Amino acid sequence: MIRPASLGLLALASAFVTPAALAQELKIGFVRADRISESAPAKAAIAKLEKEFSPRDKELQDMAARLKVMSDKLDKDMPVLSESERVRRQRELADLDKEIQRKNREFREDLAQRRNEEIAAVSERANKVIKQIAEKEKYDLILQEAVHAGPRVDITDKVLSILNK
């Protein structure tokens, strides 16, 4: 006859055995998402963004240099300028500064939007590769975020090699 206390111990013991046995059957992988930026598609996206936005960046730098030259010239000429000429130049400086700030803000917003688009495209491609690996190698679970993952389950290099082809 099995006593209720023995039955409880048996249930408790089986609770510890089942997850361990189940874990041995699972095939788990881990991908370090931060390393995806090392892939050829990610580097190509960065180069594409630099090429796309470098003319606007140069224009902003030129405008800032022009503002500095105008400001220095105003400071130098201030003692000999008439009141109306001083006010006119100060207004020009203020207008140019506002224009630079506006263009700089638009530049940052456009760059952030395009960067997000490019990151999304690279991430989508990486996710497709991860799914291909999971199906081909019969993974039950592939994680991209974890507190700790040992090198035995890290498949990041496989993903990068496929992405770089």
Protein backbone atom coordinates (compact mmCIF):
# COMPACT_ATOMS: atom_id res chain seq x y z
CA MET A 1 0.00 0.00 0.00
CA ILE A 2 1.37 3.44 -1.00
CA ARG A 3 0.97 6.09 1.61
CA PRO A 4 -0.04 9.69 0.61
CA ALA A 5 3.35 11.03 1.80
CA SER A 6 5.19 8.57 -0.47
CA LEU A 7 2.94 9.53 -3.35
CA GLY A 8 3.82 13.21 -2.81
CA LEU A 9 7.55 12.43 -2.79
CA LEU A 10 7.15 10.39 -5.97
CA ALA A 11 5.36 13.29 -7.69
CA LEU A 12 8.03 15.72 -6.50
CA ALA A 13 10.84 13.49 -7.78
CA SER A 14 9.17 13.10 -11.17
CA ALA A 15 8.83 16.89 -11.43
CA PHE A 16 12.63 17.17 -11.22
CA VAL A 17 13.35 14.30 -13.59
CA THR A 18 10.97 15.34 -16.37
CA PRO A 19 12.43 18.81 -17.10
CA ALA A 20 15.96 17.40 -17.13
CA ALA A 21 14.98 14.66 -19.56
CA LEU A 22 13.06 17.15 -21.67
CA ALA A 23 16.01 19.57 -21.76
CA GLN A 24 18.24 16.81 -23.12
CA GLU A 25 15.88 16.36 -26.04
CA LEU A 26 15.73 20.05 -26.96
CA LYS A 27 18.20 21.57 -29.38
CA ILE A 28 18.78 25.18 -28.43
CA GLY A 29 20.79 27.82 -30.24
CA PHE A 30 21.76 31.39 -29.49
CA VAL A 31 22.59 34.29 -31.81
CA ARG A 32 24.39 37.40 -30.59
CA ALA A 33 22.29 40.07 -32.28
CA ASP A 34 24.91 42.75 -31.67
CA ARG A 35 27.38 40.84 -33.86
CA ILE A 36 25.05 40.98 -36.87
CA SER A 37 26.45 44.49 -37.44
CA GLU A 38 29.73 42.75 -38.42
CA SER A 39 28.06 41.14 -41.44
CA ALA A 40 28.64 42.23 -45.01
CA PRO A 41 25.01 43.39 -45.48
CA ALA A 42 25.24 45.57 -42.35
CA LYS A 43 28.52 47.11 -43.51
CA ALA A 44 27.04 47.69 -46.97
CA ALA A 45 24.05 49.43 -45.39
CA ILE A 46 26.36 51.73 -43.42
CA ALA A 47 28.34 52.57 -46.56
CA LYS A 48 25.10 53.24 -48.44
CA LEU A 49 23.92 55.63 -45.73
CA GLU A 50 27.26 57.45 -45.66
CA LYS A 51 27.15 57.89 -49.44
CA GLU A 52 23.54 59.03 -49.34
CA PHE A 53 23.96 61.54 -46.52
CA SER A 54 27.51 62.84 -47.03
CA PRO A 55 26.48 65.65 -49.44
CA ARG A 56 23.99 67.02 -46.91
CA ASP A 57 26.53 66.68 -44.12
CA LYS A 58 29.09 68.59 -46.19
CA GLU A 59 26.52 71.30 -46.92
CA LEU A 60 25.85 71.68 -43.20
CA GLN A 61 29.57 71.89 -42.47
CA ASP A 62 29.99 74.54 -45.18
CA MET A 63 27.10 76.56 -43.78
CA ALA A 64 28.55 76.37 -40.27
CA ALA A 65 31.94 77.53 -41.59
CA ARG A 66 30.24 80.41 -43.41
CA LEU A 67 28.41 81.37 -40.20
CA LYS A 68 31.72 81.39 -38.30
CA VAL A 69 33.40 83.57 -40.92
CA MET A 70 30.45 86.01 -40.90
CA SER A 71 30.44 86.10 -37.09
CA ASP A 72 34.19 86.74 -36.91
CA LYS A 73 33.91 89.46 -39.55
CA LEU A 74 31.07 91.13 -37.63
CA ASP A 75 33.08 91.05 -34.40
CA LYS A 76 36.07 92.57 -36.20
CA ASP A 77 34.05 95.27 -38.00
CA MET A 78 31.72 96.08 -35.07
CA PRO A 79 33.51 99.28 -33.97
CA VAL A 80 33.29 100.92 -37.40
CA LEU A 81 29.78 99.80 -38.44
CA SER A 82 26.76 102.02 -38.44
CA GLU A 83 23.85 100.97 -36.25
CA SER A 84 21.72 99.93 -39.24
CA GLU A 85 24.55 97.91 -40.82
CA ARG A 86 25.27 96.17 -37.48
CA VAL A 87 21.57 95.26 -37.05
CA ARG A 88 21.37 94.00 -40.65
CA ARG A 89 24.43 91.73 -40.22
CA GLN A 90 23.21 90.44 -36.86
CA ARG A 91 19.88 89.58 -38.47
CA GLU A 92 21.70 87.77 -41.30
CA LEU A 93 23.67 85.80 -38.72
CA ALA A 94 20.53 84.91 -36.78
CA ASP A 95 18.71 83.85 -39.96
CA LEU A 96 21.63 81.70 -41.10
CA ASP A 97 21.90 80.13 -37.64
CA LYS A 98 18.17 79.27 -37.67
CA GLU A 99 18.50 77.78 -41.15
CA ILE A 100 21.48 75.68 -40.05
CA GLN A 101 19.58 74.45 -36.99
CA ARG A 102 16.53 73.58 -39.11
CA LYS A 103 18.57 71.74 -41.74
CA ASN A 104 20.57 69.95 -39.04
CA ARG A 105 17.35 68.79 -37.34
CA GLU A 106 15.93 67.57 -40.67
CA PHE A 107 19.22 65.85 -41.45
CA ARG A 108 19.23 63.98 -38.11
CA GLU A 109 15.57 62.97 -38.50
CA ASP A 110 16.07 61.75 -42.08
CA LEU A 111 19.26 59.90 -41.15
CA ALA A 112 17.57 58.21 -38.17
CA GLN A 113 14.63 57.14 -40.34
CA ARG A 114 16.86 55.73 -43.09
CA ARG A 115 19.13 54.03 -40.52
CA ASN A 116 16.07 52.35 -38.99
CA GLU A 117 14.96 51.21 -42.45
CA GLU A 118 18.38 49.75 -43.23
CA ILE A 119 18.65 48.06 -39.82
CA ALA A 120 15.19 46.56 -40.30
CA ALA A 121 16.20 45.18 -43.71
CA VAL A 122 19.40 43.62 -42.33
CA SER A 123 17.51 42.22 -39.32
CA GLU A 124 14.86 40.72 -41.58
CA ARG A 125 17.52 39.07 -43.70
CA ALA A 126 19.32 37.77 -40.58
CA ASN A 127 16.04 36.38 -39.22
CA LYS A 128 15.46 34.51 -42.49
CA VAL A 129 18.94 33.00 -42.23
CA ILE A 130 18.32 32.02 -38.60
CA LYS A 131 15.04 30.34 -39.58
CA GLN A 132 16.81 28.47 -42.39
CA ILE A 133 19.44 27.21 -39.96
CA ALA A 134 16.75 26.22 -37.45
CA GLU A 135 14.85 24.22 -40.05
CA LYS A 136 17.91 22.63 -41.64
CA GLU A 137 19.61 21.66 -38.37
CA LYS A 138 16.39 20.85 -36.48
CA TYR A 139 16.66 23.47 -33.70
CA ASP A 140 13.75 23.60 -31.28
CA LEU A 141 14.59 27.07 -30.00
CA ILE A 142 16.93 29.86 -31.07
CA LEU A 143 17.31 32.88 -28.81
CA GLN A 144 18.68 36.31 -29.58
CA GLU A 145 18.68 37.67 -26.03
CA ALA A 146 19.88 35.88 -22.93
CA VAL A 147 21.63 36.69 -19.69
CA HIS A 148 24.15 33.96 -20.42
CA ALA A 149 24.73 31.60 -23.32
CA GLY A 150 27.63 29.20 -23.53
CA PRO A 151 29.73 28.74 -26.65
CA ARG A 152 28.16 25.30 -27.23
CA VAL A 153 24.82 26.88 -28.20
CA ASP A 154 26.20 30.00 -29.93
CA ILE A 155 25.44 29.82 -33.67
CA THR A 156 26.31 33.44 -34.43
CA ASP A 157 29.30 32.51 -36.60
CA LYS A 158 27.10 30.23 -38.74
CA VAL A 159 24.61 33.06 -39.24
CA LEU A 160 27.37 35.53 -40.13
CA SER A 161 29.00 33.18 -42.62
CA ILE A 162 25.69 32.69 -44.44
CA LEU A 163 24.91 36.41 -44.38
CA ASN A 164 28.34 37.22 -45.80
CA LYS A 165 27.85 34.96 -48.85
